[in-house]
PDB file of all heavy atoms in Angstrom:
ATOM      1  N   GLU A   1      96.955  95.743  93.896  1.00  0.00           N
ATOM      2  CA  GLU A   1      98.151  96.545  94.204  1.00  0.00           C
ATOM      3  C   GLU A   1      98.809  97.059  92.927  1.00  0.00           C
ATOM      4  O   GLU A   1      99.327  98.184  92.903  1.00  0.00           O
ATOM      5  CB  GLU A   1      99.118  95.710  95.041  1.00  0.00           C
ATOM      6  CG  GLU A   1      98.568  95.413  96.437  1.00  0.00           C
ATOM      7  CD  GLU A   1      99.553  94.736  97.350  1.00  0.00           C
ATOM      8  OE1 GLU A   1     100.432  94.010  96.847  1.00  0.00           O
ATOM      9  OE2 GLU A   1      99.443  94.926  98.585  1.00  0.00           O
ATOM     10  N   SER A   2      98.772  96.270  91.864  1.00  0.00           N
ATOM     11  CA  SER A   2      99.361  96.717  90.601  1.00  0.00           C
ATOM     12  C   SER A   2      98.574  97.879  89.996  1.00  0.00           C
ATOM     13  O   SER A   2      99.150  98.883  89.558  1.00  0.00           O
ATOM     14  CB  SER A   2      99.400  95.549  89.614  1.00  0.00           C
ATOM     15  OG  SER A   2      99.868  95.962  88.342  1.00  0.00           O
ATOM     16  N   VAL A   3      97.256  97.757  89.986  1.00  0.00           N
ATOM     17  CA  VAL A   3      96.421  98.834  89.459  1.00  0.00           C
ATOM     18  C   VAL A   3      96.585 100.094  90.301  1.00  0.00           C
ATOM     19  O   VAL A   3      96.689 101.208  89.780  1.00  0.00           O
ATOM     20  CB  VAL A   3      94.942  98.379  89.417  1.00  0.00           C
ATOM     21  CG1 VAL A   3      94.022  99.568  89.124  1.00  0.00           C
ATOM     22  CG2 VAL A   3      94.750  97.297  88.368  1.00  0.00           C
ATOM     23  N   ALA A   4      96.618  99.933  91.613  1.00  0.00           N
ATOM     24  CA  ALA A   4      96.787 101.087  92.496  1.00  0.00           C
ATOM     25  C   ALA A   4      98.117 101.780  92.246  1.00  0.00           C
ATOM     26  O   ALA A   4      98.204 103.018  92.250  1.00  0.00           O
ATOM     27  CB  ALA A   4      96.684 100.641  93.952  1.00  0.00           C
ATOM     28  N   HIS A   5      99.164 100.992  92.020  1.00  0.00           N
ATOM     29  CA  HIS A   5     100.484 101.570  91.750  1.00  0.00           C
ATOM     30  C   HIS A   5     100.448 102.434  90.493  1.00  0.00           C
ATOM     31  O   HIS A   5     101.018 103.535  90.471  1.00  0.00           O
ATOM     32  CB  HIS A   5     101.520 100.451  91.603  1.00  0.00           C
ATOM     33  CG  HIS A   5     102.908 100.949  91.285  1.00  0.00           C
ATOM     34  ND1 HIS A   5     103.713 101.564  92.208  1.00  0.00           N
ATOM     35  CD2 HIS A   5     103.612 100.928  90.108  1.00  0.00           C
ATOM     36  CE1 HIS A   5     104.861 101.896  91.642  1.00  0.00           C
ATOM     37  NE2 HIS A   5     104.822 101.520  90.364  1.00  0.00           N
ATOM     38  N   ARG A   6      99.748 101.959  89.457  1.00  0.00           N
ATOM     39  CA  ARG A   6      99.646 102.739  88.218  1.00  0.00           C
ATOM     40  C   ARG A   6      98.917 104.059  88.438  1.00  0.00           C
ATOM     41  O   ARG A   6      99.187 105.047  87.766  1.00  0.00           O
ATOM     42  CB  ARG A   6      98.923 101.932  87.135  1.00  0.00           C
ATOM     43  CG  ARG A   6      99.668 100.707  86.667  1.00  0.00           C
ATOM     44  CD  ARG A   6      99.201 100.274  85.279  1.00  0.00           C
ATOM     45  NE  ARG A   6      97.761 100.056  85.211  1.00  0.00           N
ATOM     46  CZ  ARG A   6      97.185  98.879  85.394  1.00  0.00           C
ATOM     47  NH1 ARG A   6      97.923  97.810  85.678  1.00  0.00           N
ATOM     48  NH2 ARG A   6      95.874  98.760  85.290  1.00  0.00           N
ATOM     49  N   HIS A   7      97.986 104.076  89.384  1.00  0.00           N
ATOM     50  CA  HIS A   7      97.210 105.284  89.660  1.00  0.00           C
ATOM     51  C   HIS A   7      97.810 106.126  90.788  1.00  0.00           C
ATOM     52  O   HIS A   7      97.222 107.143  91.171  1.00  0.00           O
ATOM     53  CB  HIS A   7      95.772 104.903  90.023  1.00  0.00           C
ATOM     54  CG  HIS A   7      94.949 104.455  88.857  1.00  0.00           C
ATOM     55  ND1 HIS A   7      94.161 105.313  88.117  1.00  0.00           N
ATOM     56  CD2 HIS A   7      94.806 103.226  88.281  1.00  0.00           C
ATOM     57  CE1 HIS A   7      93.546 104.638  87.157  1.00  0.00           C
ATOM     58  NE2 HIS A   7      93.917 103.369  87.233  1.00  0.00           N
ATOM     59  N   GLY A   8      98.932 105.706  91.323  1.00  0.00           N
ATOM     60  CA  GLY A   8      99.569 106.460  92.382  1.00  0.00           C
ATOM     61  C   GLY A   8      98.858 106.389  93.719  1.00  0.00           C
ATOM     62  O   GLY A   8      98.936 107.331  94.517  1.00  0.00           O
ATOM     63  N   VAL A   9      98.186 105.269  93.990  1.00  0.00           N
ATOM     64  CA  VAL A   9      97.472 105.085  95.253  1.00  0.00           C
ATOM     65  C   VAL A   9      98.321 104.200  96.167  1.00  0.00           C
ATOM     66  O   VAL A   9      98.547 103.026  95.863  1.00  0.00           O
ATOM     67  CB  VAL A   9      96.094 104.430  95.028  1.00  0.00           C
ATOM     68  CG1 VAL A   9      95.394 104.162  96.375  1.00  0.00           C
ATOM     69  CG2 VAL A   9      95.227 105.319  94.147  1.00  0.00           C
ATOM     70  N   PRO A  10      98.806 104.720  97.295  1.00  0.00           N
ATOM     71  CA  PRO A  10      99.658 103.922  98.177  1.00  0.00           C
ATOM     72  C   PRO A  10      98.839 102.994  99.073  1.00  0.00           C
ATOM     73  O   PRO A  10      97.680 103.268  99.400  1.00  0.00           O
ATOM     74  CB  PRO A  10     100.366 104.988  99.013  1.00  0.00           C
ATOM     75  CG  PRO A  10      99.362 106.110  99.097  1.00  0.00           C
ATOM     76  CD  PRO A  10      98.640 106.107  97.774  1.00  0.00           C
ATOM     77  N   ASP A  11      99.457 101.893  99.463  1.00  0.00           N
ATOM     78  CA  ASP A  11      98.864 100.956 100.429  1.00  0.00           C
ATOM     79  C   ASP A  11      97.378 100.725 100.148  1.00  0.00           C
ATOM     80  O   ASP A  11      96.519 101.026 100.988  1.00  0.00           O
ATOM     81  CB  ASP A  11      99.050 101.454 101.857  1.00  0.00           C
ATOM     82  CG  ASP A  11     100.515 101.595 102.233  1.00  0.00           C
ATOM     83  OD1 ASP A  11     101.329 100.803 101.718  1.00  0.00           O
ATOM     84  OD2 ASP A  11     100.835 102.496 103.033  1.00  0.00           O
ATOM     85  N   PRO A  12      97.016 100.167  99.010  1.00  0.00           N
ATOM     86  CA  PRO A  12      95.608 100.176  98.595  1.00  0.00           C
ATOM     87  C   PRO A  12      94.711  99.141  99.256  1.00  0.00           C
ATOM     88  O   PRO A  12      93.502  99.342  99.331  1.00  0.00           O
ATOM     89  CB  PRO A  12      95.699  99.899  97.091  1.00  0.00           C
ATOM     90  CG  PRO A  12      96.937  99.050  96.959  1.00  0.00           C
ATOM     91  CD  PRO A  12      97.901  99.611  97.964  1.00  0.00           C
ATOM     92  N   LEU A  13      95.282  98.046  99.728  1.00  0.00           N
ATOM     93  CA  LEU A  13      94.420  96.922 100.109  1.00  0.00           C
ATOM     94  C   LEU A  13      94.458  96.657 101.606  1.00  0.00           C
ATOM     95  O   LEU A  13      95.520  96.527 102.207  1.00  0.00           O
ATOM     96  CB  LEU A  13      94.849  95.649  99.359  1.00  0.00           C
ATOM     97  CG  LEU A  13      93.991  94.397  99.586  1.00  0.00           C
ATOM     98  CD1 LEU A  13      92.542  94.634  99.209  1.00  0.00           C
ATOM     99  CD2 LEU A  13      94.564  93.215  98.798  1.00  0.00           C
ATOM    100  N   GLN A  14      93.290  96.561 102.195  1.00  0.00           N
ATOM    101  CA  GLN A  14      93.120  96.181 103.590  1.00  0.00           C
ATOM    102  C   GLN A  14      92.043  95.093 103.618  1.00  0.00           C
ATOM    103  O   GLN A  14      90.916  95.309 103.152  1.00  0.00           O
ATOM    104  CB  GLN A  14      92.679  97.389 104.407  1.00  0.00           C
ATOM    105  CG  GLN A  14      92.366  97.125 105.868  1.00  0.00           C
ATOM    106  CD  GLN A  14      93.587  96.817 106.697  1.00  0.00           C
ATOM    107  OE1 GLN A  14      93.718  95.706 107.206  1.00  0.00           O
ATOM    108  NE2 GLN A  14      94.493  97.784 106.835  1.00  0.00           N
ATOM    109  N   MET A  15      92.394  93.897 104.142  1.00  0.00           N
ATOM    110  CA  MET A  15      91.380  92.841 104.075  1.00  0.00           C
ATOM    111  C   MET A  15      91.588  91.758 105.128  1.00  0.00           C
ATOM    112  O   MET A  15      92.704  91.343 105.411  1.00  0.00           O
ATOM    113  CB  MET A  15      91.359  92.189 102.690  1.00  0.00           C
ATOM    114  CG  MET A  15      92.557  91.304 102.382  1.00  0.00           C
ATOM    115  SD  MET A  15      92.378  90.426 100.797  1.00  0.00           S
ATOM    116  CE  MET A  15      93.518  89.048 101.050  1.00  0.00           C
ATOM    117  N   THR A  16      90.494  91.373 105.726  1.00  0.00           N
ATOM    118  CA  THR A  16      90.342  90.018 106.233  1.00  0.00           C
ATOM    119  C   THR A  16      89.172  89.438 105.451  1.00  0.00           C
ATOM    120  O   THR A  16      88.151  90.115 105.265  1.00  0.00           O
ATOM    121  CB  THR A  16      90.054  89.967 107.747  1.00  0.00           C
ATOM    122  OG1 THR A  16      88.775  90.539 108.028  1.00  0.00           O
ATOM    123  CG2 THR A  16      91.141  90.687 108.534  1.00  0.00           C
ATOM    124  N   VAL A  17      89.341  88.224 104.985  1.00  0.00           N
ATOM    125  CA  VAL A  17      88.354  87.590 104.105  1.00  0.00           C
ATOM    126  C   VAL A  17      88.040  86.201 104.627  1.00  0.00           C
ATOM    127  O   VAL A  17      88.930  85.482 105.105  1.00  0.00           O
ATOM    128  CB  VAL A  17      88.885  87.498 102.651  1.00  0.00           C
ATOM    129  CG1 VAL A  17      88.089  86.491 101.823  1.00  0.00           C
ATOM    130  CG2 VAL A  17      88.859  88.868 101.985  1.00  0.00           C
ATOM    131  N   GLY A  18      86.766  85.829 104.530  1.00  0.00           N
ATOM    132  CA  GLY A  18      86.349  84.460 104.757  1.00  0.00           C
ATOM    133  C   GLY A  18      85.580  83.983 103.551  1.00  0.00           C
ATOM    134  O   GLY A  18      84.704  84.697 103.043  1.00  0.00           O
ATOM    135  N   THR A  19      85.898  82.811 103.049  1.00  0.00           N
ATOM    136  CA  THR A  19      85.187  82.262 101.899  1.00  0.00           C
ATOM    137  C   THR A  19      85.080  80.749 102.050  1.00  0.00           C
ATOM    138  O   THR A  19      85.946  80.108 102.668  1.00  0.00           O
ATOM    139  CB  THR A  19      85.882  82.647 100.573  1.00  0.00           C
ATOM    140  OG1 THR A  19      85.065  82.243  99.465  1.00  0.00           O
ATOM    141  CG2 THR A  19      87.262  82.006 100.450  1.00  0.00           C
ATOM    142  N   THR A  20      84.018  80.174 101.506  1.00  0.00           N
ATOM    143  CA  THR A  20      83.776  78.741 101.657  1.00  0.00           C
ATOM    144  C   THR A  20      83.036  78.182 100.459  1.00  0.00           C
ATOM    145  O   THR A  20      82.256  78.893  99.806  1.00  0.00           O
ATOM    146  CB  THR A  20      82.984  78.446 102.941  1.00  0.00           C
ATOM    147  OG1 THR A  20      82.738  77.043 103.048  1.00  0.00           O
ATOM    148  CG2 THR A  20      81.649  79.185 102.953  1.00  0.00           C
ATOM    149  N   ASP A  21      83.277  76.893 100.200  1.00  0.00           N
ATOM    150  CA  ASP A  21      82.538  76.173  99.165  1.00  0.00           C
ATOM    151  C   ASP A  21      81.493  75.246  99.774  1.00  0.00           C
ATOM    152  O   ASP A  21      80.907  74.435  99.083  1.00  0.00           O
ATOM    153  CB  ASP A  21      83.502  75.375  98.280  1.00  0.00           C
ATOM    154  CG  ASP A  21      84.293  74.326  99.067  1.00  0.00           C
ATOM    155  OD1 ASP A  21      84.163  74.265 100.313  1.00  0.00           O
ATOM    156  OD2 ASP A  21      85.053  73.566  98.433  1.00  0.00           O
ATOM    157  N   GLY A  22      81.291  75.348 101.078  1.00  0.00           N
ATOM    158  CA  GLY A  22      80.347  74.485 101.773  1.00  0.00           C
ATOM    159  C   GLY A  22      80.999  73.278 102.411  1.00  0.00           C
ATOM    160  O   GLY A  22      80.356  72.559 103.186  1.00  0.00           O
ATOM    161  N   ASP A  23      82.277  73.061 102.112  1.00  0.00           N
ATOM    162  CA  ASP A  23      83.025  71.947 102.691  1.00  0.00           C
ATOM    163  C   ASP A  23      84.183  72.472 103.530  1.00  0.00           C
ATOM    164  O   ASP A  23      84.314  72.158 104.706  1.00  0.00           O
ATOM    165  CB  ASP A  23      83.539  71.041 101.582  1.00  0.00           C
ATOM    166  CG  ASP A  23      84.326  69.851 102.105  1.00  0.00           C
ATOM    167  OD1 ASP A  23      83.985  69.354 103.208  1.00  0.00           O
ATOM    168  OD2 ASP A  23      85.283  69.415 101.432  1.00  0.00           O
ATOM    169  N   ARG A  24      85.013  73.300 102.938  1.00  0.00           N
ATOM    170  CA  ARG A  24      86.130  73.917 103.632  1.00  0.00           C
ATOM    171  C   ARG A  24      85.922  75.431 103.733  1.00  0.00           C
ATOM    172  O   ARG A  24      85.174  76.017 102.961  1.00  0.00           O
ATOM    173  CB  ARG A  24      87.447  73.626 102.899  1.00  0.00           C
ATOM    174  CG  ARG A  24      87.869  72.158 102.932  1.00  0.00           C
ATOM    175  CD  ARG A  24      89.189  71.939 102.214  1.00  0.00           C
ATOM    176  NE  ARG A  24      89.033  72.039 100.764  1.00  0.00           N
ATOM    177  CZ  ARG A  24      90.053  71.965  99.890  1.00  0.00           C
ATOM    178  NH1 ARG A  24      91.289  71.812 100.349  1.00  0.00           N
ATOM    179  NH2 ARG A  24      89.829  72.037  98.605  1.00  0.00           N
ATOM    180  N   ILE A  25      86.610  76.045 104.688  1.00  0.00           N
ATOM    181  CA  ILE A  25      86.613  77.505 104.841  1.00  0.00           C
ATOM    182  C   ILE A  25      88.045  77.996 104.670  1.00  0.00           C
ATOM    183  O   ILE A  25      88.971  77.456 105.282  1.00  0.00           O
ATOM    184  CB  ILE A  25      86.087  77.942 106.217  1.00  0.00           C
ATOM    185  CG1 ILE A  25      84.628  77.526 106.399  1.00  0.00           C
ATOM    186  CG2 ILE A  25      86.217  79.460 106.390  1.00  0.00           C
ATOM    187  CD1 ILE A  25      84.095  77.798 107.805  1.00  0.00           C
ATOM    188  N   TRP A  26      88.220  79.022 103.842  1.00  0.00           N
ATOM    189  CA  TRP A  26      89.511  79.675 103.678  1.00  0.00           C
ATOM    190  C   TRP A  26      89.424  81.067 104.297  1.00  0.00           C
ATOM    191  O   TRP A  26      88.440  81.787 104.097  1.00  0.00           O
ATOM    192  CB  TRP A  26      89.871  79.813 102.199  1.00  0.00           C
ATOM    193  CG  TRP A  26      90.217  78.540 101.522  1.00  0.00           C
ATOM    194  CD1 TRP A  26      91.465  78.026 101.285  1.00  0.00           C
ATOM    195  CD2 TRP A  26      89.293  77.586 100.944  1.00  0.00           C
ATOM    196  NE1 TRP A  26      91.385  76.826 100.618  1.00  0.00           N
ATOM    197  CE2 TRP A  26      90.058  76.528 100.393  1.00  0.00           C
ATOM    198  CE3 TRP A  26      87.898  77.528 100.849  1.00  0.00           C
ATOM    199  CZ2 TRP A  26      89.485  75.440  99.763  1.00  0.00           C
ATOM    200  CZ3 TRP A  26      87.316  76.442 100.227  1.00  0.00           C
ATOM    201  CH2 TRP A  26      88.105  75.411  99.693  1.00  0.00           C
ATOM    202  N   THR A  27      90.425  81.435 105.057  1.00  0.00           N
ATOM    203  CA  THR A  27      90.487  82.762 105.660  1.00  0.00           C
ATOM    204  C   THR A  27      91.793  83.437 105.277  1.00  0.00           C
ATOM    205  O   THR A  27      92.827  82.770 105.102  1.00  0.00           O
ATOM    206  CB  THR A  27      90.370  82.690 107.190  1.00  0.00           C
ATOM    207  OG1 THR A  27      91.501  81.988 107.724  1.00  0.00           O
ATOM    208  CG2 THR A  27      89.096  81.977 107.604  1.00  0.00           C
ATOM    209  N   PHE A  28      91.744  84.766 105.169  1.00  0.00           N
ATOM    210  CA  PHE A  28      92.915  85.536 104.756  1.00  0.00           C
ATOM    211  C   PHE A  28      93.010  86.804 105.603  1.00  0.00           C
ATOM    212  O   PHE A  28      92.002  87.463 105.868  1.00  0.00           O
ATOM    213  CB  PHE A  28      92.803  85.937 103.281  1.00  0.00           C
ATOM    214  CG  PHE A  28      92.647  84.769 102.343  1.00  0.00           C
ATOM    215  CD1 PHE A  28      91.385  84.264 102.060  1.00  0.00           C
ATOM    216  CD2 PHE A  28      93.751  84.178 101.758  1.00  0.00           C
ATOM    217  CE1 PHE A  28      91.224  83.187 101.199  1.00  0.00           C
ATOM    218  CE2 PHE A  28      93.607  83.096 100.889  1.00  0.00           C
ATOM    219  CZ  PHE A  28      92.335  82.601 100.617  1.00  0.00           C
ATOM    220  N   ARG A  29      94.225  87.119 106.011  1.00  0.00           N
ATOM    221  CA  ARG A  29      94.485  88.374 106.734  1.00  0.00           C
ATOM    222  C   ARG A  29      95.678  89.040 106.076  1.00  0.00           C
ATOM    223  O   ARG A  29      96.808  88.528 106.114  1.00  0.00           O
ATOM    224  CB  ARG A  29      94.755  88.109 108.220  1.00  0.00           C
ATOM    225  CG  ARG A  29      94.989  89.382 109.025  1.00  0.00           C
ATOM    226  CD  ARG A  29      95.065  89.099 110.527  1.00  0.00           C
ATOM    227  NE  ARG A  29      95.190  90.354 111.269  1.00  0.00           N
ATOM    228  CZ  ARG A  29      96.263  90.696 111.992  1.00  0.00           C
ATOM    229  NH1 ARG A  29      97.294  89.857 112.101  1.00  0.00           N
ATOM    230  NH2 ARG A  29      96.289  91.854 112.618  1.00  0.00           N
ATOM    231  N   TYR A  30      95.441  90.200 105.456  1.00  0.00           N
ATOM    232  CA  TYR A  30      96.510  90.874 104.712  1.00  0.00           C
ATOM    233  C   TYR A  30      96.169  92.352 104.556  1.00  0.00           C
ATOM    234  O   TYR A  30      95.001  92.735 104.430  1.00  0.00           O
ATOM    235  CB  TYR A  30      96.681  90.267 103.320  1.00  0.00           C
ATOM    236  CG  TYR A  30      97.688  90.999 102.474  1.00  0.00           C
ATOM    237  CD1 TYR A  30      99.057  90.807 102.662  1.00  0.00           C
ATOM    238  CD2 TYR A  30      97.273  91.925 101.517  1.00  0.00           C
ATOM    239  CE1 TYR A  30      99.983  91.528 101.921  1.00  0.00           C
ATOM    240  CE2 TYR A  30      98.193  92.638 100.762  1.00  0.00           C
ATOM    241  CZ  TYR A  30      99.550  92.434 100.970  1.00  0.00           C
ATOM    242  OH  TYR A  30     100.466  93.152 100.235  1.00  0.00           O
ATOM    243  N   SER A  31      97.201  93.183 104.548  1.00  0.00           N
ATOM    244  CA  SER A  31      97.066  94.579 104.144  1.00  0.00           C
ATOM    245  C   SER A  31      98.356  95.027 103.495  1.00  0.00           C
ATOM    246  O   SER A  31      99.446  94.545 103.839  1.00  0.00           O
ATOM    247  CB  SER A  31      96.733  95.484 105.339  1.00  0.00           C
ATOM    248  OG  SER A  31      97.796  95.487 106.276  1.00  0.00           O
TER     249      SER A  31
END
């Protein structure tokens, strides 16, 4: 978001993410 702001790009990030280390799972929902 900081880099996008410098380049004049509005609302730059849209994401749902899933990541794991093989033991736990982390999920994220953000835009």
